[in-house]
């Protein structure tokens, strides 16, 4: 939900639209950007209801602007989607559903999930993968703390450190018998790419953005 990953979403959506349609085509889109500092403080203060109200307001703005569907450009805040969606009439493209679809398309069945502690520890995200027949492994407690810290203290601020990249690669290498790794925070793709590891990388920013384009253009 930081502007860093929002910028990546915007670029991918427009580039992929042009790939599919050619010529001078780009995506017709509406973007509402919230203040991530406010969101981050509410998350860590466990004030999810207040965060929900901010997102409901943002989603209503998108709906009122004529959006056909909504893409919430963050994994963690999908935790609130069951409370948001009753207040909005247009559909949502769920990031975990899009990711599960991509994993199944590849014929893979066991993945490591990396993201914020909220995403890794709670069930709102994992249950969608499990319901799609995908086994989910999460890092140990110490590694989860490191991942969470790097996301909020570095990546959301646009800080890319080689030491953090090596730490993430080491965490991935410790996972046994996995087919792939889900970069389950939309900023992790700033740090880890496919050529960094031996297993399939599912960058949720790329997966979600491209599925949004396909939904808009091909459906």
Protein backbone atom coordinates (compact mmCIF):
# COMPACT_ATOMS: atom_id res chain seq x y z
CA UNK A 1 0.00 0.00 0.00
CA UNK A 2 3.05 2.26 0.01
CA UNK A 3 3.45 4.52 -3.01
CA UNK A 4 6.52 2.47 -3.95
CA UNK A 5 4.44 -0.57 -4.86
CA UNK A 6 1.59 1.57 -6.21
CA UNK A 7 3.99 3.00 -8.78
CA UNK A 8 5.00 -0.54 -9.77
CA UNK A 9 1.35 -1.56 -10.15
CA UNK A 10 0.66 1.44 -12.37
CA UNK A 11 3.64 0.68 -14.60
CA UNK A 12 2.86 -3.03 -14.98
CA UNK A 13 -0.84 -2.44 -15.66
CA UNK A 14 -0.12 0.03 -18.44
CA UNK A 15 2.75 -1.96 -19.95
CA UNK A 16 0.74 -5.20 -19.99
CA UNK A 17 -2.29 -3.45 -21.45
CA UNK A 18 -0.09 -2.25 -24.28
CA UNK A 19 1.36 -5.74 -24.72
CA UNK A 20 -2.13 -7.16 -25.18
CA UNK A 21 -3.64 -4.35 -27.26
CA UNK A 22 -0.63 -2.78 -28.99
CA UNK A 23 -0.45 0.61 -30.71
CA UNK A 24 -0.79 3.50 -28.23
CA UNK A 25 -3.11 1.62 -25.85
CA UNK A 26 -2.78 2.02 -22.11
CA UNK A 27 -5.14 1.24 -19.23
CA UNK A 28 -8.07 3.46 -18.35
CA UNK A 29 -7.77 3.58 -14.57
CA UNK A 30 -8.59 5.49 -11.42
CA UNK A 31 -6.17 5.49 -8.50
CA UNK A 32 -6.84 6.51 -4.92
CA UNK A 33 -3.70 6.71 -2.80
CA UNK A 34 -4.01 6.63 0.97
CA UNK A 35 -1.41 7.95 3.40
CA UNK A 36 0.59 4.83 4.26
CA UNK A 37 2.02 6.38 7.42
CA UNK A 38 -1.51 6.57 8.80
CA UNK A 39 -2.29 3.00 7.72
CA UNK A 40 0.95 1.61 9.15
CA UNK A 41 0.33 3.18 12.54
CA UNK A 42 -3.21 1.78 12.67
CA UNK A 43 -1.99 -1.69 11.71
CA UNK A 44 0.58 -1.87 14.47
CA UNK A 45 -1.81 -0.32 17.02
CA UNK A 46 -4.33 -3.07 16.17
CA UNK A 47 -6.85 -0.43 15.11
CA UNK A 48 -8.17 -2.34 12.14
CA UNK A 49 -11.66 -0.85 12.29
CA UNK A 50 -10.26 2.63 11.73
CA UNK A 51 -8.19 1.32 8.83
CA UNK A 52 -11.33 -0.31 7.43
CA UNK A 53 -13.14 3.02 7.37
CA UNK A 54 -10.27 4.62 5.43
CA UNK A 55 -10.41 1.88 2.80
CA UNK A 56 -14.20 1.96 2.55
CA UNK A 57 -13.98 5.69 1.79
CA UNK A 58 -11.26 5.08 -0.80
CA UNK A 59 -13.21 2.27 -2.47
CA UNK A 60 -16.36 4.35 -2.63
CA UNK A 61 -14.36 7.05 -4.37
CA UNK A 62 -13.29 4.51 -6.99
CA UNK A 63 -16.85 3.28 -7.39
CA UNK A 64 -18.18 6.82 -7.74
CA UNK A 65 -15.47 7.51 -10.31
CA UNK A 66 -16.82 4.75 -12.54
CA UNK A 67 -14.52 1.81 -11.77
CA UNK A 68 -15.80 -1.55 -13.07
CA UNK A 69 -13.86 -3.43 -10.37
CA UNK A 70 -11.38 -2.64 -7.62
CA UNK A 71 -7.82 -3.81 -7.02
CA UNK A 72 -6.53 -3.27 -3.48
CA UNK A 73 -2.79 -3.03 -4.12
CA UNK A 74 -1.63 -4.74 -0.94
CA UNK A 75 -1.74 -8.24 0.50
CA UNK A 76 -2.13 -7.35 4.17
CA UNK A 77 -5.19 -5.12 3.78
CA UNK A 78 -7.15 -7.94 2.15
CA UNK A 79 -7.58 -8.95 5.78
CA UNK A 80 -10.28 -6.26 5.85
CA UNK A 81 -12.01 -7.13 2.58
CA UNK A 82 -14.94 -9.00 4.24
CA UNK A 83 -15.76 -5.78 6.12
CA UNK A 84 -15.16 -3.50 3.14
CA UNK A 85 -17.03 -5.32 0.37
CA UNK A 86 -20.56 -5.01 1.87
CA UNK A 87 -20.21 -1.22 1.57
CA UNK A 88 -19.19 -1.27 -2.11
CA UNK A 89 -21.26 -2.41 -5.08
CA UNK A 90 -18.51 -3.14 -7.62
CA UNK A 91 -16.49 -6.38 -7.35
CA UNK A 92 -12.94 -6.81 -6.07
CA UNK A 93 -10.10 -8.79 -7.62
CA UNK A 94 -8.64 -10.64 -4.63
CA UNK A 95 -4.85 -10.83 -4.66
CA UNK A 96 -4.71 -14.29 -3.05
CA UNK A 97 -7.20 -15.70 -5.55
CA UNK A 98 -5.13 -14.33 -8.42
CA UNK A 99 -1.99 -15.85 -6.89
CA UNK A 100 -3.64 -19.24 -6.31
CA UNK A 101 -4.79 -19.26 -9.94
CA UNK A 102 -1.23 -18.64 -11.14
CA UNK A 103 0.24 -21.35 -8.89
CA UNK A 104 -2.32 -23.91 -10.07
CA UNK A 105 -1.72 -22.94 -13.70
CA UNK A 106 1.92 -23.91 -13.21
CA UNK A 107 0.92 -27.22 -11.64
CA UNK A 108 2.60 -26.36 -8.35
CA UNK A 109 1.20 -27.36 -4.97
CA UNK A 110 3.51 -26.27 -2.12
CA UNK A 111 4.82 -22.76 -1.54
CA UNK A 112 6.62 -20.63 0.99
CA UNK A 113 4.64 -17.52 1.94
CA UNK A 114 6.62 -14.37 2.74
CA UNK A 115 4.93 -11.11 3.73
CA UNK A 116 4.07 -9.02 6.75
CA UNK A 117 3.52 -10.87 10.03
CA UNK A 118 -0.20 -10.23 9.57
CA UNK A 119 -0.19 -12.08 6.24
CA UNK A 120 2.10 -14.91 7.33
CA UNK A 121 0.55 -15.61 10.73
CA UNK A 122 -3.15 -15.05 10.18
CA UNK A 123 -5.52 -17.19 8.12
CA UNK A 124 -7.25 -14.61 5.89
CA UNK A 125 -4.69 -15.14 3.11
CA UNK A 126 -3.48 -18.69 3.66
CA UNK A 127 -6.99 -20.16 3.75
CA UNK A 128 -7.63 -19.08 0.16
CA UNK A 129 -4.48 -20.86 -0.98
CA UNK A 130 -5.37 -23.96 1.04
CA UNK A 131 -8.92 -23.98 -0.35
CA UNK A 132 -7.29 -24.11 -3.79
CA UNK A 133 -5.32 -27.23 -2.85
CA UNK A 134 -2.05 -25.44 -2.20
CA UNK A 135 0.11 -26.33 0.81
CA UNK A 136 1.56 -23.29 2.56
CA UNK A 137 4.77 -23.08 4.56
CA UNK A 138 5.72 -19.99 6.55
CA UNK A 139 9.14 -18.96 7.91
CA UNK A 140 10.08 -19.50 11.55
CA UNK A 141 9.39 -16.79 14.12
CA UNK A 142 12.82 -15.17 13.89
CA UNK A 143 12.69 -15.03 10.11
CA UNK A 144 9.15 -13.63 10.17
CA UNK A 145 10.33 -10.80 12.41
CA UNK A 146 13.16 -10.01 10.01
CA UNK A 147 10.90 -10.03 6.94
CA UNK A 148 8.34 -7.81 8.68
CA UNK A 149 11.01 -5.33 9.75
CA UNK A 150 12.58 -5.11 6.30
CA UNK A 151 9.18 -4.50 4.68
CA UNK A 152 8.21 -1.60 6.93
CA UNK A 153 11.59 -0.07 7.77
CA UNK A 154 13.25 -0.44 4.36
CA UNK A 155 11.14 -1.45 1.36
CA UNK A 156 8.15 0.81 2.06
CA UNK A 157 10.65 3.66 2.25
CA UNK A 158 12.31 2.68 -1.04
CA UNK A 159 15.48 1.44 0.69
CA UNK A 160 17.01 -1.61 -1.03
CA UNK A 161 19.82 -3.25 0.94
CA UNK A 162 22.01 -6.08 -0.31
CA UNK A 163 22.18 -7.51 3.22
CA UNK A 164 18.39 -7.79 3.34
CA UNK A 165 18.30 -9.41 -0.08
CA UNK A 166 20.80 -12.05 1.05
CA UNK A 167 18.78 -12.65 4.22
CA UNK A 168 15.58 -13.17 2.22
CA UNK A 169 17.36 -15.54 -0.16
CA UNK A 170 18.67 -17.53 2.80
CA UNK A 171 15.17 -17.80 4.27
CA UNK A 172 13.87 -19.12 0.95
CA UNK A 173 16.72 -21.63 0.69
CA UNK A 174 15.80 -23.10 4.11
CA UNK A 175 12.29 -24.06 2.97
CA UNK A 176 12.10 -27.77 2.13
CA UNK A 177 10.28 -29.42 -0.78
CA UNK A 178 8.58 -26.25 -2.02
CA UNK A 179 7.60 -25.60 -5.63
CA UNK A 180 7.67 -21.84 -5.28
CA UNK A 181 7.76 -18.78 -3.06
CA UNK A 182 5.00 -16.18 -2.79
CA UNK A 183 6.28 -12.64 -2.40
CA UNK A 184 3.16 -11.93 -0.35
CA UNK A 185 3.85 -8.27 0.20
CA UNK A 186 3.68 -5.98 -2.79
CA UNK A 187 7.03 -4.39 -1.92
CA UNK A 188 9.14 -7.60 -1.74
CA UNK A 189 9.49 -7.69 -5.51
CA UNK A 190 11.74 -4.65 -5.15
CA UNK A 191 14.21 -6.96 -3.39
CA UNK A 192 13.81 -10.47 -4.80
CA UNK A 193 13.52 -11.53 -8.45
CA UNK A 194 13.22 -14.86 -10.24
CA UNK A 195 16.92 -15.10 -11.03
CA UNK A 196 17.80 -14.81 -7.33
CA UNK A 197 16.40 -18.22 -6.32
CA UNK A 198 15.98 -21.73 -7.72
CA UNK A 199 12.23 -22.09 -7.14
CA UNK A 200 9.38 -20.35 -8.93
CA UNK A 201 8.80 -16.80 -7.69
CA UNK A 202 5.22 -15.55 -7.45
CA UNK A 203 5.52 -11.79 -7.15
CA UNK A 204 2.01 -10.82 -6.08
CA UNK A 205 2.39 -7.31 -7.47
CA UNK A 206 3.01 -8.68 -10.97
CA UNK A 207 0.44 -11.47 -10.64
CA UNK A 208 -2.30 -9.14 -9.36
CA UNK A 209 -1.59 -6.35 -11.84
CA UNK A 210 -1.58 -8.65 -14.87
CA UNK A 211 -4.73 -10.46 -13.75
CA UNK A 212 -6.43 -7.07 -13.42
CA UNK A 213 -5.53 -6.27 -17.02
CA UNK A 214 -6.80 -9.62 -18.24
CA UNK A 215 -10.02 -9.10 -16.29
CA UNK A 216 -10.48 -5.68 -17.88
CA UNK A 217 -9.45 -6.52 -21.42
CA UNK A 218 -10.34 -10.17 -21.97
CA UNK A 219 -13.48 -10.73 -19.91
